[in-house]
Protein backbone atom coordinates (compact mmCIF):
# COMPACT_ATOMS: atom_id res chain seq x y z
CA UNK A 1 -136.78 107.68 36.50
CA UNK A 2 -138.89 106.65 39.52
CA UNK A 3 -137.82 108.18 42.86
CA UNK A 4 -136.00 105.96 45.42
CA UNK A 5 -138.34 103.65 47.34
CA UNK A 6 -137.70 105.46 50.62
CA UNK A 7 -139.63 108.43 49.18
CA UNK A 8 -142.56 106.31 47.97
CA UNK A 9 -145.09 105.66 50.75
CA UNK A 10 -147.50 102.76 50.41
CA UNK A 11 -150.94 103.35 48.91
CA UNK A 12 -152.50 102.12 52.16
CA UNK A 13 -150.63 104.74 54.17
CA UNK A 14 -151.61 107.52 51.79
CA UNK A 15 -155.28 106.44 51.81
CA UNK A 16 -155.28 106.39 55.62
CA UNK A 17 -153.67 109.83 55.78
CA UNK A 18 -156.09 111.33 53.25
CA UNK A 19 -159.12 109.88 55.05
CA UNK A 20 -157.99 111.14 58.46
CA UNK A 21 -157.24 114.58 57.01
CA UNK A 22 -160.70 114.74 55.48
CA UNK A 23 -162.72 113.17 58.31
CA UNK A 24 -160.78 114.44 61.32
CA UNK A 25 -160.56 111.16 63.22
CA UNK A 26 -158.91 107.76 62.97
CA UNK A 27 -162.19 106.08 63.94
CA UNK A 28 -164.13 107.61 61.03
CA UNK A 29 -161.26 106.87 58.66
CA UNK A 30 -161.15 103.25 59.84
CA UNK A 31 -164.88 102.84 59.19
CA UNK A 32 -164.56 104.27 55.68
CA UNK A 33 -161.54 102.09 54.83
CA UNK A 34 -162.90 98.93 56.52
CA UNK A 35 -159.90 98.83 58.86
CA UNK A 36 -159.43 98.93 62.60
CA UNK A 37 -158.59 102.19 64.32
CA UNK A 38 -155.22 100.78 65.40
CA UNK A 39 -154.44 99.83 61.79
CA UNK A 40 -155.10 103.39 60.64
CA UNK A 41 -152.93 104.75 63.46
CA UNK A 42 -150.10 102.41 62.47
CA UNK A 43 -150.34 103.57 58.86
CA UNK A 44 -150.09 107.19 59.96
CA UNK A 45 -147.14 106.48 62.20
CA UNK A 46 -145.35 104.57 59.44
CA UNK A 47 -145.93 107.42 56.99
CA UNK A 48 -144.60 110.07 59.40
CA UNK A 49 -141.55 107.94 60.22
CA UNK A 50 -140.83 107.35 56.55
CA UNK A 51 -141.06 111.07 55.76
CA UNK A 52 -139.52 112.14 59.10
CA UNK A 53 -142.21 114.84 59.30
CA UNK A 54 -145.17 115.29 61.65
CA UNK A 55 -148.33 115.36 59.55
CA UNK A 56 -151.08 114.98 62.18
CA UNK A 57 -151.57 116.60 65.56
CA UNK A 58 -154.25 115.86 68.17
CA UNK A 59 -156.68 118.57 69.28
CA UNK A 60 -158.90 117.08 71.96
CA UNK A 61 -160.64 114.13 70.32
CA UNK A 62 -160.02 115.41 66.85
CA UNK A 63 -156.99 114.93 64.65
CA UNK A 64 -155.77 117.99 62.75
CA UNK A 65 -153.17 118.55 60.08
CA UNK A 66 -149.88 120.24 60.81
CA UNK A 67 -148.65 122.89 58.40
CA UNK A 68 -146.64 120.22 56.59
CA UNK A 69 -149.68 117.93 56.53
CA UNK A 70 -151.83 120.66 54.97
CA UNK A 71 -149.29 121.17 52.20
CA UNK A 72 -148.92 117.42 51.63
CA UNK A 73 -152.54 116.31 51.59
CA UNK A 74 -153.53 118.29 48.48
CA UNK A 75 -150.75 116.67 46.46
CA UNK A 76 -151.62 113.25 47.85
CA UNK A 77 -155.26 113.64 46.77
CA UNK A 78 -154.22 114.68 43.27
CA UNK A 79 -151.88 111.69 42.94
CA UNK A 80 -154.48 109.23 44.24
CA UNK A 81 -157.10 110.62 41.84
CA UNK A 82 -154.74 110.39 38.88
CA UNK A 83 -153.79 106.83 39.81
CA UNK A 84 -157.47 105.87 40.07
CA UNK A 85 -158.23 107.46 36.69
CA UNK A 86 -155.30 105.65 35.08
CA UNK A 87 -156.47 102.35 36.55
CA UNK A 88 -160.03 102.86 35.32
CA UNK A 89 -158.72 103.81 31.88
CA UNK A 90 -156.53 100.73 31.49
CA UNK A 91 -159.33 98.48 32.73
CA UNK A 92 -162.01 99.88 30.43
CA UNK A 93 -159.72 100.40 27.43
CA UNK A 94 -156.91 97.83 27.64
CA UNK A 95 -155.85 98.07 23.98
CA UNK A 96 -155.98 101.87 23.71
CA UNK A 97 -155.75 104.62 26.24
CA UNK A 98 -156.66 108.17 27.06
CA UNK A 99 -155.05 111.35 25.83
CA UNK A 100 -155.21 114.39 28.08
CA UNK A 101 -154.89 117.44 25.84
CA UNK A 102 -154.63 121.09 26.86
CA UNK A 103 -156.22 123.30 24.23
CA UNK A 104 -156.57 126.98 23.41
CA UNK A 105 -160.31 127.81 23.61
CA UNK A 106 -160.84 129.30 20.14
CA UNK A 107 -158.68 126.77 18.31
CA UNK A 108 -160.21 123.89 20.23
CA UNK A 109 -163.81 124.97 19.65
CA UNK A 110 -163.66 126.17 16.06
CA UNK A 111 -160.87 124.15 14.44
CA UNK A 112 -160.21 120.98 16.46
CA UNK A 113 -163.68 120.06 17.75
CA UNK A 114 -165.32 119.76 14.30
CA UNK A 115 -162.59 117.29 13.30
CA UNK A 116 -162.53 115.11 16.42
CA UNK A 117 -165.36 112.88 15.26
CA UNK A 118 -163.12 111.76 12.41
CA UNK A 119 -160.41 110.83 14.91
CA UNK A 120 -162.91 108.95 17.09
CA UNK A 121 -164.00 106.91 14.07
CA UNK A 122 -160.42 106.11 13.07
CA UNK A 123 -159.25 105.39 16.63
CA UNK A 124 -162.14 104.20 18.83
CA UNK A 125 -159.58 102.75 21.24
CA UNK A 126 -158.42 106.27 22.24
CA UNK A 127 -160.36 108.64 24.50
CA UNK A 128 -159.43 112.31 24.13
CA UNK A 129 -159.95 114.51 27.21
CA UNK A 130 -159.84 118.27 26.62
CA UNK A 131 -159.04 121.06 29.10
CA UNK A 132 -158.50 124.75 28.45
CA UNK A 133 -155.17 126.46 29.10
CA UNK A 134 -154.45 129.97 27.81
CA UNK A 135 -150.68 130.08 28.31
CA UNK A 136 -147.70 127.69 28.37
CA UNK A 137 -147.23 125.77 31.64
CA UNK A 138 -144.90 123.17 33.13
CA UNK A 139 -146.24 120.36 30.98
CA UNK A 140 -143.75 117.74 32.22
CA UNK A 141 -145.15 118.10 35.75
CA UNK A 142 -148.78 118.27 34.64
CA UNK A 143 -151.40 115.59 33.95
CA UNK A 144 -151.40 116.56 30.26
CA UNK A 145 -149.92 114.36 27.57
CA UNK A 146 -149.81 117.18 25.01
CA UNK A 147 -151.02 120.73 24.40
CA UNK A 148 -151.92 123.14 21.62
CA UNK A 149 -149.50 126.07 21.54
CA UNK A 150 -149.68 129.36 19.65
CA UNK A 151 -146.65 131.52 18.94
CA UNK A 152 -143.12 130.36 18.19
CA UNK A 153 -141.07 127.32 19.16
CA UNK A 154 -140.37 128.90 22.55
CA UNK A 155 -141.94 126.39 24.94
CA UNK A 156 -138.96 124.72 26.68
CA UNK A 157 -138.68 120.96 27.06
CA UNK A 158 -141.19 119.93 24.40
CA UNK A 159 -141.37 118.40 20.93
CA UNK A 160 -143.21 120.39 18.23
CA UNK A 161 -145.59 119.42 15.45
CA UNK A 162 -146.31 122.55 13.32
CA UNK A 163 -150.00 122.74 12.43
CA UNK A 164 -150.70 126.01 10.63
CA UNK A 165 -150.14 129.77 10.71
CA UNK A 166 -152.90 131.97 12.04
CA UNK A 167 -154.50 134.21 9.40
CA UNK A 168 -156.36 137.12 11.01
CA UNK A 169 -159.07 139.44 9.74
CA UNK A 170 -160.60 142.64 11.23
CA UNK A 171 -164.34 142.34 11.87
CA UNK A 172 -167.04 144.48 13.45
CA UNK A 173 -170.80 144.81 13.83
CA UNK A 174 -172.58 145.67 10.54
CA UNK A 175 -173.82 148.99 11.94
CA UNK A 176 -170.39 150.13 13.17
CA UNK A 177 -169.01 150.89 9.68
CA UNK A 178 -170.85 151.85 6.53
CA UNK A 179 -168.29 149.90 4.48
CA UNK A 180 -164.92 148.17 5.00
CA UNK A 181 -162.04 150.62 5.28
CA UNK A 182 -159.99 151.11 2.13
CA UNK A 183 -156.67 152.05 3.69
CA UNK A 184 -155.25 150.19 6.67
CA UNK A 185 -154.39 153.52 8.33
CA UNK A 186 -158.10 154.36 8.45
CA UNK A 187 -158.51 151.61 11.07
CA UNK A 188 -156.82 153.93 13.58
CA UNK A 189 -159.95 156.11 13.57
CA UNK A 190 -162.12 153.35 15.04
CA UNK A 191 -162.23 151.72 18.49
CA UNK A 192 -160.04 148.61 18.47
CA UNK A 193 -160.50 145.56 20.69
CA UNK A 194 -157.39 143.80 22.01
CA UNK A 195 -156.57 140.25 23.16
CA UNK A 196 -154.53 139.80 26.31
CA UNK A 197 -152.37 137.04 24.83
CA UNK A 198 -151.80 139.01 21.59
CA UNK A 199 -150.96 142.46 23.04
CA UNK A 200 -149.32 143.65 19.81
CA UNK A 201 -151.73 141.99 17.42
CA UNK A 202 -153.06 145.24 15.97
CA UNK A 203 -149.59 146.79 15.75
CA UNK A 204 -148.34 143.82 13.75
CA UNK A 205 -151.39 143.79 11.49
CA UNK A 206 -150.89 147.47 10.72
CA UNK A 207 -147.13 147.10 10.25
CA UNK A 208 -147.67 144.26 7.76
CA UNK A 209 -149.70 146.74 5.69
CA UNK A 210 -147.12 149.52 5.91
CA UNK A 211 -148.60 151.50 8.85
CA UNK A 212 -146.06 152.24 11.59
CA UNK A 213 -148.32 154.24 13.91
CA UNK A 214 -149.24 152.68 17.24
CA UNK A 215 -152.89 151.55 17.49
CA UNK A 216 -155.08 153.26 20.10
CA UNK A 217 -155.67 151.62 23.45
CA UNK A 218 -158.98 149.87 23.88
CA UNK A 219 -160.85 147.15 25.71
CA UNK A 220 -158.76 144.05 26.49
CA UNK A 221 -160.15 140.49 26.56
CA UNK A 222 -158.67 137.17 27.65
CA UNK A 223 -160.42 135.06 24.99
CA UNK A 224 -161.53 135.45 21.38
CA UNK A 225 -165.08 134.41 22.30
CA UNK A 226 -165.70 137.36 24.62
CA UNK A 227 -163.96 139.76 22.24
CA UNK A 228 -166.18 138.54 19.39
CA UNK A 229 -169.30 139.17 21.47
CA UNK A 230 -168.10 142.68 22.24
CA UNK A 231 -167.61 143.27 18.50
CA UNK A 232 -171.09 141.90 17.76
CA UNK A 233 -172.53 144.44 20.19
CA UNK A 234 -170.76 147.32 18.48
CA UNK A 235 -167.99 148.00 20.99
CA UNK A 236 -165.21 148.06 18.41
CA UNK A 237 -163.26 146.22 15.73
CA UNK A 238 -161.85 142.80 16.64
CA UNK A 239 -158.91 141.05 15.02
CA UNK A 240 -160.00 137.40 14.78
CA UNK A 241 -158.52 134.26 13.21
CA UNK A 242 -160.33 133.44 9.99
CA UNK A 243 -161.43 130.02 11.26
CA UNK A 244 -163.04 131.75 14.24
CA UNK A 245 -164.58 134.65 12.34
CA UNK A 246 -166.13 132.69 9.47
CA UNK A 247 -169.32 131.50 11.27
CA UNK A 248 -170.08 135.05 12.45
CA UNK A 249 -169.47 136.43 8.97
CA UNK A 250 -171.71 133.80 7.36
CA UNK A 251 -174.70 134.52 9.61
CA UNK A 252 -174.28 138.30 9.38
CA UNK A 253 -173.47 138.99 13.02
CA UNK A 254 -170.14 140.46 11.93
CA UNK A 255 -168.84 142.06 8.76
CA UNK A 256 -165.35 142.59 7.40
CA UNK A 257 -163.95 145.87 8.70
CA UNK A 258 -161.23 145.67 6.05
CA UNK A 259 -160.67 143.49 3.04
CA UNK A 260 -157.04 143.07 4.13
CA UNK A 261 -155.91 139.84 5.81
CA UNK A 262 -152.37 139.06 6.88
CA UNK A 263 -150.43 136.21 8.40
CA UNK A 264 -150.12 136.52 12.14
CA UNK A 265 -146.70 136.51 13.79
CA UNK A 266 -147.29 133.03 15.18
CA UNK A 267 -148.24 129.49 14.34
CA UNK A 268 -150.22 126.74 15.99
CA UNK A 269 -148.33 123.68 17.22
CA UNK A 270 -148.99 120.42 18.99
CA UNK A 271 -146.41 120.09 21.77
CA UNK A 272 -145.59 117.20 24.11
CA UNK A 273 -142.91 116.64 26.78
CA UNK A 274 -139.42 115.58 25.76
CA UNK A 275 -138.93 113.80 29.08
CA UNK A 276 -141.79 111.32 28.71
CA UNK A 277 -142.11 108.26 26.54
CA UNK A 278 -144.69 108.80 23.82
CA UNK A 279 -147.68 106.54 24.41
CA UNK A 280 -149.74 104.84 21.72
CA UNK A 281 -152.64 107.27 22.20
CA UNK A 282 -150.42 110.30 21.59
CA UNK A 283 -148.77 108.68 18.57
CA UNK A 284 -152.17 107.97 16.99
CA UNK A 285 -153.40 111.49 17.69
CA UNK A 286 -150.19 113.16 16.48
CA UNK A 287 -150.21 111.26 13.20
CA UNK A 288 -153.89 112.01 12.62
CA UNK A 289 -153.46 115.69 13.49
CA UNK A 290 -150.56 116.02 11.06
CA UNK A 291 -152.89 114.87 8.28
CA UNK A 292 -155.65 117.24 9.37
CA UNK A 293 -153.23 120.18 9.32
CA UNK A 294 -152.80 119.61 5.58
CA UNK A 295 -156.50 120.24 4.90
CA UNK A 296 -158.45 123.49 5.20
CA UNK A 297 -161.89 122.02 5.85
CA UNK A 298 -163.02 119.56 8.55
CA UNK A 299 -164.39 116.21 7.36
CA UNK A 300 -168.03 116.23 6.25
CA UNK A 301 -170.27 114.72 8.91
CA UNK A 302 -173.22 112.64 7.71
């Protein structure tokens, strides 16, 4: 539901406020907006009266933001930018639309990206914009239409499309081990690398193979990519998703530290807000992604 009109300032007033906040004077703002100085001043006065808050204060010849104005202007700029982007999108792509998708770095780079060309061919009317987010966020209040989530169905206020479980495998530099370990318990004798968003990844891998001992502490990384590089340089054994580890295993930068693989405790999902209507772009992407989740290999690119 749209807010009551009394809380919705005019675009002209917001543009005048943003320009004055950025340029520091009504004269400069008037020149930029092709208005008179008095017109800009009237817009500012109307905005302050509508909000019943002082946004601008005069310091000599310069106009400065009040504390309330400083808090307000950042949100105004974000809203104006999003409105401009939406307008450009509908003008340049009237029969399709854009999809703003938050992705997990490893999944986006190694699983989703190789498949996106197939989506672009099937749906040229849709533009997919990707941004990285490592953890769940307030998606309903964000510019994102959907996100990739790892874990359980524990992200509140969203719909879920299950994609696949995460199968993990221990890997290390070829000169770190003479051969893959035979018993899972033997992994405790080697330096282990940990992922910040999977703090109990090693404990769960060991437990799945019947080892109840706690793994040793080790270096902690925020992304699989940096952890993989640390493993390549011999700093320890990394627990990587198979789709992420495969390229490094093929080119010999990494080797299997154990022949054992197990299912991770979590799954990958596409999630999108329950409180928003599902647009055509999201529907096309969701249906396509559901089909991709049924295959293990990305489409062959000519």
